[in-house]
């Protein structure tokens, strides 16, 4: 999703009036942030631009959203926050791991977004919009239909306080586990996304938009037929896992499964 988002920003840069994209990325696997992004930009996904154009349009900033001040140096933090040309902060980093612990899910999928939203609020341009990529599956065990879709509102946590749930995920996990089971969440990924939405919405000082995509599958046509990034998409991975472990991993019910091709 992140690579396609970057591609679309660059493809439609004139219409969107995008002069530059600051790309926050962490070092990983022995590669620096710049090395990782350079590897991405050298793929055919970005071949519509010349290397010189990419260098002018994309600036890589090494950091880590799970850390205080996004893991930025004081110089980098000041340079970004004081730039009044910054109009939008888009956050699409997440750990899409359905079996991770509550603590790990909280760190990746709640702490990260909260840090980015908090940083957005410190920017010199007070009209900066923070855009967070969530998921459509934040309603516990509730399902909708075409005739009666689920509301595009925060899921009602009833007696549970989202901040306390977040603290519980990072701590004893007792309250979080109780809430998880009470609403019938299927995995810690969707549960963490639900809690994150609630806490983000409490910050009324920062303009925040929450997007809820469903399952993302291989491309039908754009940018290339069958394109699904460097790793298998959720839909492809699910099919592969089902073929290998159908007796203990998957149970397909009568409901239709929504996904974005």
C-alpha atoms as a PDB file:
ATOM      1  CA  UNK A   1       0.000   0.000   0.000  1.00  0.00           C
ATOM      2  CA  UNK A   2       2.787   2.410   0.905  1.00  0.00           C
ATOM      3  CA  UNK A   3       4.639   1.985  -2.379  1.00  0.00           C
ATOM      4  CA  UNK A   4       1.439   2.464  -4.390  1.00  0.00           C
ATOM      5  CA  UNK A   5       0.574   5.544  -2.358  1.00  0.00           C
ATOM      6  CA  UNK A   6       3.974   7.021  -3.158  1.00  0.00           C
ATOM      7  CA  UNK A   7       3.562   6.165  -6.840  1.00  0.00           C
ATOM      8  CA  UNK A   8       0.159   7.824  -7.021  1.00  0.00           C
ATOM      9  CA  UNK A   9       1.425  10.957  -5.304  1.00  0.00           C
ATOM     10  CA  UNK A  10       4.173  11.215  -7.923  1.00  0.00           C
ATOM     11  CA  UNK A  11       1.951  10.317 -10.884  1.00  0.00           C
ATOM     12  CA  UNK A  12      -0.617  12.965  -9.922  1.00  0.00           C
ATOM     13  CA  UNK A  13       1.854  15.459  -8.469  1.00  0.00           C
ATOM     14  CA  UNK A  14       0.793  18.320 -10.744  1.00  0.00           C
ATOM     15  CA  UNK A  15      -2.910  17.910 -10.016  1.00  0.00           C
ATOM     16  CA  UNK A  16      -2.245  17.518  -6.289  1.00  0.00           C
ATOM     17  CA  UNK A  17       0.366  20.296  -6.332  1.00  0.00           C
ATOM     18  CA  UNK A  18       2.965  18.025  -4.756  1.00  0.00           C
ATOM     19  CA  UNK A  19       6.430  19.561  -4.891  1.00  0.00           C
ATOM     20  CA  UNK A  20       8.202  17.008  -2.747  1.00  0.00           C
ATOM     21  CA  UNK A  21       7.508  13.904  -0.661  1.00  0.00           C
ATOM     22  CA  UNK A  22       9.398  13.453   2.600  1.00  0.00           C
ATOM     23  CA  UNK A  23       9.590   9.714   3.157  1.00  0.00           C
ATOM     24  CA  UNK A  24      10.181   8.568   6.721  1.00  0.00           C
ATOM     25  CA  UNK A  25      11.719   5.108   6.771  1.00  0.00           C
ATOM     26  CA  UNK A  26      13.670   3.030   9.282  1.00  0.00           C
ATOM     27  CA  UNK A  27      16.825   1.058   8.696  1.00  0.00           C
ATOM     28  CA  UNK A  28      16.189  -2.673   8.465  1.00  0.00           C
ATOM     29  CA  UNK A  29      18.006  -5.881   7.590  1.00  0.00           C
ATOM     30  CA  UNK A  30      21.414  -4.219   7.500  1.00  0.00           C
ATOM     31  CA  UNK A  31      20.197  -1.599   5.016  1.00  0.00           C
ATOM     32  CA  UNK A  32      19.895   2.096   5.760  1.00  0.00           C
ATOM     33  CA  UNK A  33      16.657   3.933   5.086  1.00  0.00           C
ATOM     34  CA  UNK A  34      18.114   5.492   1.924  1.00  0.00           C
ATOM     35  CA  UNK A  35      19.271   2.111   0.639  1.00  0.00           C
ATOM     36  CA  UNK A  36      15.839   0.572   1.201  1.00  0.00           C
ATOM     37  CA  UNK A  37      14.017   3.390  -0.592  1.00  0.00           C
ATOM     38  CA  UNK A  38      16.543   3.492  -3.416  1.00  0.00           C
ATOM     39  CA  UNK A  39      15.871  -0.197  -3.973  1.00  0.00           C
ATOM     40  CA  UNK A  40      12.145   0.541  -4.135  1.00  0.00           C
ATOM     41  CA  UNK A  41      12.527   3.482  -6.499  1.00  0.00           C
ATOM     42  CA  UNK A  42      14.656   1.401  -8.873  1.00  0.00           C
ATOM     43  CA  UNK A  43      11.783  -1.004  -9.565  1.00  0.00           C
ATOM     44  CA  UNK A  44       9.563  -0.771 -12.642  1.00  0.00           C
ATOM     45  CA  UNK A  45       6.874   0.768 -10.458  1.00  0.00           C
ATOM     46  CA  UNK A  46       8.690   4.108 -10.742  1.00  0.00           C
ATOM     47  CA  UNK A  47      10.187   3.817 -14.209  1.00  0.00           C
ATOM     48  CA  UNK A  48       7.941   6.633 -15.464  1.00  0.00           C
ATOM     49  CA  UNK A  49      10.367   9.068 -13.806  1.00  0.00           C
ATOM     50  CA  UNK A  50      14.037   9.677 -14.487  1.00  0.00           C
ATOM     51  CA  UNK A  51      16.525   9.180 -11.605  1.00  0.00           C
ATOM     52  CA  UNK A  52      17.117  12.941 -11.449  1.00  0.00           C
ATOM     53  CA  UNK A  53      13.377  13.558 -11.138  1.00  0.00           C
ATOM     54  CA  UNK A  54      13.034  11.004  -8.352  1.00  0.00           C
ATOM     55  CA  UNK A  55      15.956  12.568  -6.510  1.00  0.00           C
ATOM     56  CA  UNK A  56      14.273  15.969  -6.697  1.00  0.00           C
ATOM     57  CA  UNK A  57      10.813  14.722  -5.724  1.00  0.00           C
ATOM     58  CA  UNK A  58      11.572  12.202  -2.958  1.00  0.00           C
ATOM     59  CA  UNK A  59      13.621  12.972   0.127  1.00  0.00           C
ATOM     60  CA  UNK A  60      14.341  10.074   2.477  1.00  0.00           C
ATOM     61  CA  UNK A  61      14.421  10.755   6.209  1.00  0.00           C
ATOM     62  CA  UNK A  62      15.642   7.996   8.504  1.00  0.00           C
ATOM     63  CA  UNK A  63      13.529   7.491  11.605  1.00  0.00           C
ATOM     64  CA  UNK A  64      11.220   5.147  13.479  1.00  0.00           C
ATOM     65  CA  UNK A  65       7.574   5.982  14.203  1.00  0.00           C
ATOM     66  CA  UNK A  66       7.516   3.797  17.322  1.00  0.00           C
ATOM     67  CA  UNK A  67      10.140   6.020  18.986  1.00  0.00           C
ATOM     68  CA  UNK A  68       9.810   9.432  20.604  1.00  0.00           C
ATOM     69  CA  UNK A  69       9.964  12.275  18.056  1.00  0.00           C
ATOM     70  CA  UNK A  70       9.813   9.567  15.381  1.00  0.00           C
ATOM     71  CA  UNK A  71      13.439   8.689  16.067  1.00  0.00           C
ATOM     72  CA  UNK A  72      14.536  11.870  14.283  1.00  0.00           C
ATOM     73  CA  UNK A  73      17.656  13.834  15.060  1.00  0.00           C
ATOM     74  CA  UNK A  74      17.031  17.308  16.460  1.00  0.00           C
ATOM     75  CA  UNK A  75      18.171  18.832  13.177  1.00  0.00           C
ATOM     76  CA  UNK A  76      15.835  16.657  11.084  1.00  0.00           C
ATOM     77  CA  UNK A  77      12.939  17.219  13.467  1.00  0.00           C
ATOM     78  CA  UNK A  78      13.360  20.997  13.329  1.00  0.00           C
ATOM     79  CA  UNK A  79      13.787  21.035   9.549  1.00  0.00           C
ATOM     80  CA  UNK A  80      10.551  19.114   8.973  1.00  0.00           C
ATOM     81  CA  UNK A  81       8.352  20.697  11.627  1.00  0.00           C
ATOM     82  CA  UNK A  82       9.355  24.258  10.693  1.00  0.00           C
ATOM     83  CA  UNK A  83       8.712  23.786   6.978  1.00  0.00           C
ATOM     84  CA  UNK A  84       5.438  25.613   6.334  1.00  0.00           C
ATOM     85  CA  UNK A  85       5.111  23.937   2.932  1.00  0.00           C
ATOM     86  CA  UNK A  86       4.204  20.672   4.685  1.00  0.00           C
ATOM     87  CA  UNK A  87       0.460  20.161   4.172  1.00  0.00           C
ATOM     88  CA  UNK A  88      -0.272  16.481   4.847  1.00  0.00           C
ATOM     89  CA  UNK A  89       1.241  13.742   6.977  1.00  0.00           C
ATOM     90  CA  UNK A  90       0.258  10.302   5.705  1.00  0.00           C
ATOM     91  CA  UNK A  91       0.732   7.298   7.974  1.00  0.00           C
ATOM     92  CA  UNK A  92       0.435   3.806   6.467  1.00  0.00           C
ATOM     93  CA  UNK A  93       3.083   1.889   8.408  1.00  0.00           C
ATOM     94  CA  UNK A  94       1.725  -1.105  10.332  1.00  0.00           C
ATOM     95  CA  UNK A  95       2.473  -4.650  11.362  1.00  0.00           C
ATOM     96  CA  UNK A  96      -0.038  -6.820   9.502  1.00  0.00           C
ATOM     97  CA  UNK A  97       0.598  -9.860  11.656  1.00  0.00           C
ATOM     98  CA  UNK A  98      -2.522 -11.659  12.823  1.00  0.00           C
ATOM     99  CA  UNK A  99      -0.752 -13.724  15.490  1.00  0.00           C
ATOM    100  CA  UNK A 100       1.411 -11.103  17.188  1.00  0.00           C
ATOM    101  CA  UNK A 101       1.049 -10.444  20.901  1.00  0.00           C
ATOM    102  CA  UNK A 102      -1.135  -7.651  22.224  1.00  0.00           C
ATOM    103  CA  UNK A 103       1.979  -5.786  23.340  1.00  0.00           C
ATOM    104  CA  UNK A 104       3.620  -6.015  19.920  1.00  0.00           C
ATOM    105  CA  UNK A 105       0.398  -4.979  18.162  1.00  0.00           C
ATOM    106  CA  UNK A 106       0.066  -1.973  20.473  1.00  0.00           C
ATOM    107  CA  UNK A 107       3.632  -0.841  19.865  1.00  0.00           C
ATOM    108  CA  UNK A 108       3.436  -1.109  16.064  1.00  0.00           C
ATOM    109  CA  UNK A 109      -0.173  -0.192  15.382  1.00  0.00           C
ATOM    110  CA  UNK A 110      -1.033   2.257  18.162  1.00  0.00           C
ATOM    111  CA  UNK A 111       2.165   3.821  19.502  1.00  0.00           C
ATOM    112  CA  UNK A 112       3.407   4.564  15.965  1.00  0.00           C
ATOM    113  CA  UNK A 113       0.284   6.376  14.745  1.00  0.00           C
ATOM    114  CA  UNK A 114      -0.019   8.332  18.003  1.00  0.00           C
ATOM    115  CA  UNK A 115       3.580   9.503  17.686  1.00  0.00           C
ATOM    116  CA  UNK A 116       3.027  10.606  14.082  1.00  0.00           C
ATOM    117  CA  UNK A 117      -0.199  12.430  14.953  1.00  0.00           C
ATOM    118  CA  UNK A 118       1.537  14.139  17.868  1.00  0.00           C
ATOM    119  CA  UNK A 119       4.385  15.224  15.597  1.00  0.00           C
ATOM    120  CA  UNK A 120       1.872  16.573  13.055  1.00  0.00           C
ATOM    121  CA  UNK A 121       0.491  18.839  15.759  1.00  0.00           C
ATOM    122  CA  UNK A 122       3.911  20.468  16.272  1.00  0.00           C
ATOM    123  CA  UNK A 123       4.299  21.567  12.651  1.00  0.00           C
ATOM    124  CA  UNK A 124       4.572  25.265  11.848  1.00  0.00           C
ATOM    125  CA  UNK A 125       1.721  24.952   9.363  1.00  0.00           C
ATOM    126  CA  UNK A 126      -1.252  24.632  11.710  1.00  0.00           C
ATOM    127  CA  UNK A 127      -3.450  23.441   8.850  1.00  0.00           C
ATOM    128  CA  UNK A 128      -1.484  20.210   8.433  1.00  0.00           C
ATOM    129  CA  UNK A 129      -3.801  17.223   7.952  1.00  0.00           C
ATOM    130  CA  UNK A 130      -2.864  13.896   9.501  1.00  0.00           C
ATOM    131  CA  UNK A 131      -4.132  10.911   7.464  1.00  0.00           C
ATOM    132  CA  UNK A 132      -4.113   7.490   9.111  1.00  0.00           C
ATOM    133  CA  UNK A 133      -4.598   4.213   7.260  1.00  0.00           C
ATOM    134  CA  UNK A 134      -6.682   1.871   9.407  1.00  0.00           C
ATOM    135  CA  UNK A 135      -8.676  -1.185   8.312  1.00  0.00           C
ATOM    136  CA  UNK A 136     -12.305  -1.955   7.533  1.00  0.00           C
ATOM    137  CA  UNK A 137     -12.288  -4.770  10.085  1.00  0.00           C
ATOM    138  CA  UNK A 138     -12.532  -2.817  13.344  1.00  0.00           C
ATOM    139  CA  UNK A 139     -15.981  -3.995  14.431  1.00  0.00           C
ATOM    140  CA  UNK A 140     -15.119  -7.140  16.377  1.00  0.00           C
ATOM    141  CA  UNK A 141     -17.331 -10.031  15.321  1.00  0.00           C
ATOM    142  CA  UNK A 142     -19.978  -7.762  13.754  1.00  0.00           C
ATOM    143  CA  UNK A 143     -20.493  -8.112  10.009  1.00  0.00           C
ATOM    144  CA  UNK A 144     -22.405  -6.035   7.514  1.00  0.00           C
ATOM    145  CA  UNK A 145     -24.150  -6.681   4.217  1.00  0.00           C
ATOM    146  CA  UNK A 146     -24.640  -4.692   1.036  1.00  0.00           C
ATOM    147  CA  UNK A 147     -28.161  -3.877   2.209  1.00  0.00           C
ATOM    148  CA  UNK A 148     -27.092  -3.035   5.758  1.00  0.00           C
ATOM    149  CA  UNK A 149     -23.405  -2.039   5.854  1.00  0.00           C
ATOM    150  CA  UNK A 150     -21.566  -1.303   9.064  1.00  0.00           C
ATOM    151  CA  UNK A 151     -21.540   2.352  10.074  1.00  0.00           C
ATOM    152  CA  UNK A 152     -18.531   4.471   9.201  1.00  0.00           C
ATOM    153  CA  UNK A 153     -18.184   5.497  12.807  1.00  0.00           C
ATOM    154  CA  UNK A 154     -15.984   4.513  15.710  1.00  0.00           C
ATOM    155  CA  UNK A 155     -16.843   1.039  16.952  1.00  0.00           C
ATOM    156  CA  UNK A 156     -18.780   1.244  20.236  1.00  0.00           C
ATOM    157  CA  UNK A 157     -16.471  -0.083  22.957  1.00  0.00           C
ATOM    158  CA  UNK A 158     -19.270   0.314  25.493  1.00  0.00           C
ATOM    159  CA  UNK A 159     -17.824   0.212  29.031  1.00  0.00           C
ATOM    160  CA  UNK A 160     -14.206  -0.080  27.889  1.00  0.00           C
ATOM    161  CA  UNK A 161     -11.959   2.986  27.818  1.00  0.00           C
ATOM    162  CA  UNK A 162      -9.590   2.954  24.789  1.00  0.00           C
ATOM    163  CA  UNK A 163      -6.682   4.605  26.629  1.00  0.00           C
ATOM    164  CA  UNK A 164      -6.921   2.068  29.446  1.00  0.00           C
ATOM    165  CA  UNK A 165      -7.063  -0.728  26.869  1.00  0.00           C
ATOM    166  CA  UNK A 166      -3.911   0.612  25.230  1.00  0.00           C
ATOM    167  CA  UNK A 167      -2.118   0.708  28.567  1.00  0.00           C
ATOM    168  CA  UNK A 168      -3.316  -2.800  29.282  1.00  0.00           C
ATOM    169  CA  UNK A 169      -1.956  -4.065  25.960  1.00  0.00           C
ATOM    170  CA  UNK A 170       1.457  -2.724  26.922  1.00  0.00           C
ATOM    171  CA  UNK A 171       1.141  -3.963  30.505  1.00  0.00           C
ATOM    172  CA  UNK A 172      -0.713  -6.813  32.195  1.00  0.00           C
ATOM    173  CA  UNK A 173      -2.991  -7.348  29.150  1.00  0.00           C
ATOM    174  CA  UNK A 174      -5.842  -8.452  31.443  1.00  0.00           C
ATOM    175  CA  UNK A 175      -8.324  -5.710  30.503  1.00  0.00           C
ATOM    176  CA  UNK A 176      -7.328  -5.826  26.826  1.00  0.00           C
ATOM    177  CA  UNK A 177      -7.823  -9.595  26.678  1.00  0.00           C
ATOM    178  CA  UNK A 178     -11.209  -9.246  28.347  1.00  0.00           C
ATOM    179  CA  UNK A 179     -12.307  -6.641  25.764  1.00  0.00           C
ATOM    180  CA  UNK A 180     -10.825  -8.665  22.892  1.00  0.00           C
ATOM    181  CA  UNK A 181     -12.878 -11.722  23.847  1.00  0.00           C
ATOM    182  CA  UNK A 182     -16.003  -9.744  24.762  1.00  0.00           C
ATOM    183  CA  UNK A 183     -16.377  -8.303  21.258  1.00  0.00           C
ATOM    184  CA  UNK A 184     -15.069 -11.373  19.437  1.00  0.00           C
ATOM    185  CA  UNK A 185     -12.144  -9.774  17.626  1.00  0.00           C
ATOM    186  CA  UNK A 186     -10.496 -12.277  15.310  1.00  0.00           C
ATOM    187  CA  UNK A 187      -6.894 -11.158  15.765  1.00  0.00           C
ATOM    188  CA  UNK A 188      -4.704  -8.630  17.542  1.00  0.00           C
ATOM    189  CA  UNK A 189      -4.154  -6.660  14.327  1.00  0.00           C
ATOM    190  CA  UNK A 190      -7.794  -5.594  13.938  1.00  0.00           C
ATOM    191  CA  UNK A 191      -8.139  -5.091  17.690  1.00  0.00           C
ATOM    192  CA  UNK A 192      -5.148  -2.729  17.786  1.00  0.00           C
ATOM    193  CA  UNK A 193      -6.487  -0.792  14.802  1.00  0.00           C
ATOM    194  CA  UNK A 194      -9.834  -0.331  16.555  1.00  0.00           C
ATOM    195  CA  UNK A 195      -8.242   0.992  19.734  1.00  0.00           C
ATOM    196  CA  UNK A 196      -5.963   3.269  17.727  1.00  0.00           C
ATOM    197  CA  UNK A 197      -8.898   4.898  15.927  1.00  0.00           C
ATOM    198  CA  UNK A 198     -10.514   5.813  19.239  1.00  0.00           C
ATOM    199  CA  UNK A 199      -7.392   7.409  20.706  1.00  0.00           C
ATOM    200  CA  UNK A 200      -6.581   9.309  17.498  1.00  0.00           C
ATOM    201  CA  UNK A 201     -10.127  10.708  17.458  1.00  0.00           C
ATOM    202  CA  UNK A 202      -9.668  12.101  20.969  1.00  0.00           C
ATOM    203  CA  UNK A 203      -7.040  14.536  19.680  1.00  0.00           C
ATOM    204  CA  UNK A 204      -9.240  17.315  18.373  1.00  0.00           C
ATOM    205  CA  UNK A 205      -6.325  19.750  18.096  1.00  0.00           C
ATOM    206  CA  UNK A 206      -4.908  17.975  15.048  1.00  0.00           C
ATOM    207  CA  UNK A 207      -6.944  17.636  11.863  1.00  0.00           C
ATOM    208  CA  UNK A 208      -7.209  13.873  11.424  1.00  0.00           C
ATOM    209  CA  UNK A 209      -8.646  11.691   8.670  1.00  0.00           C
ATOM    210  CA  UNK A 210      -8.996   7.928   9.151  1.00  0.00           C
ATOM    211  CA  UNK A 211      -9.237   5.688   6.080  1.00  0.00           C
ATOM    212  CA  UNK A 212     -10.527   2.111   6.280  1.00  0.00           C
ATOM    213  CA  UNK A 213      -9.471  -0.066   3.329  1.00  0.00           C
ATOM    214  CA  UNK A 214     -10.591  -3.675   3.164  1.00  0.00           C
ATOM    215  CA  UNK A 215      -8.351  -6.584   2.132  1.00  0.00           C
ATOM    216  CA  UNK A 216      -5.929  -5.512  -0.593  1.00  0.00           C
ATOM    217  CA  UNK A 217      -5.382  -8.003  -3.408  1.00  0.00           C
ATOM    218  CA  UNK A 218      -3.303  -8.183  -6.602  1.00  0.00           C
ATOM    219  CA  UNK A 219      -3.931  -5.461  -9.174  1.00  0.00           C
ATOM    220  CA  UNK A 220      -6.471  -6.046 -11.921  1.00  0.00           C
ATOM    221  CA  UNK A 221      -4.797  -3.535 -14.220  1.00  0.00           C
ATOM    222  CA  UNK A 222      -3.094  -0.616 -12.440  1.00  0.00           C
ATOM    223  CA  UNK A 223      -0.135  -0.190 -12.302  1.00  0.00           C
ATOM    224  CA  UNK A 224       0.382  -3.645 -13.870  1.00  0.00           C
ATOM    225  CA  UNK A 225      -1.867  -6.657 -14.132  1.00  0.00           C
ATOM    226  CA  UNK A 226      -1.213  -8.952 -11.176  1.00  0.00           C
ATOM    227  CA  UNK A 227       1.056  -6.511  -9.342  1.00  0.00           C
ATOM    228  CA  UNK A 228       1.016  -7.027  -5.568  1.00  0.00           C
ATOM    229  CA  UNK A 229       4.291  -5.542  -4.377  1.00  0.00           C
ATOM    230  CA  UNK A 230       7.412  -7.299  -3.186  1.00  0.00           C
ATOM    231  CA  UNK A 231       5.521  -9.576  -0.796  1.00  0.00           C
ATOM    232  CA  UNK A 232       2.320 -11.615  -1.236  1.00  0.00           C
ATOM    233  CA  UNK A 233      -0.816  -9.599  -0.582  1.00  0.00           C
ATOM    234  CA  UNK A 234      -3.139 -10.582   2.263  1.00  0.00           C
ATOM    235  CA  UNK A 235      -5.467 -12.307  -0.191  1.00  0.00           C
ATOM    236  CA  UNK A 236      -2.706 -14.336  -1.853  1.00  0.00           C
ATOM    237  CA  UNK A 237      -1.115 -15.231   1.475  1.00  0.00           C
ATOM    238  CA  UNK A 238      -4.487 -16.355   2.828  1.00  0.00           C
ATOM    239  CA  UNK A 239      -5.034 -18.683  -0.121  1.00  0.00           C
ATOM    240  CA  UNK A 240      -1.553 -20.179   0.245  1.00  0.00           C
ATOM    241  CA  UNK A 241      -1.996 -20.723   3.965  1.00  0.00           C
ATOM    242  CA  UNK A 242      -5.414 -22.247   3.450  1.00  0.00           C
ATOM    243  CA  UNK A 243      -4.078 -24.793   0.980  1.00  0.00           C
ATOM    244  CA  UNK A 244      -1.394 -25.826   3.450  1.00  0.00           C
ATOM    245  CA  UNK A 245      -3.148 -25.536   6.807  1.00  0.00           C
ATOM    246  CA  UNK A 246      -6.865 -25.529   6.093  1.00  0.00           C
ATOM    247  CA  UNK A 247      -7.643 -27.912   8.916  1.00  0.00           C
ATOM    248  CA  UNK A 248      -6.540 -25.542  11.685  1.00  0.00           C
ATOM    249  CA  UNK A 249      -6.224 -22.027  10.345  1.00  0.00           C
ATOM    250  CA  UNK A 250      -9.218 -21.084   8.248  1.00  0.00           C
ATOM    251  CA  UNK A 251     -12.972 -21.367   8.462  1.00  0.00           C
ATOM    252  CA  UNK A 252     -14.866 -19.753   5.604  1.00  0.00           C
ATOM    253  CA  UNK A 253     -18.412 -18.801   6.538  1.00  0.00           C
ATOM    254  CA  UNK A 254     -21.331 -17.761   4.307  1.00  0.00           C
ATOM    255  CA  UNK A 255     -20.467 -14.054   4.346  1.00  0.00           C
ATOM    256  CA  UNK A 256     -18.875 -12.373   1.336  1.00  0.00           C
ATOM    257  CA  UNK A 257     -15.258 -11.299   1.837  1.00  0.00           C
ATOM    258  CA  UNK A 258     -14.571  -7.671   0.835  1.00  0.00           C
ATOM    259  CA  UNK A 259     -11.285  -6.842  -0.813  1.00  0.00           C
ATOM    260  CA  UNK A 260      -9.729  -4.175  -3.018  1.00  0.00           C
ATOM    261  CA  UNK A 261      -8.169  -5.470  -6.272  1.00  0.00           C
END
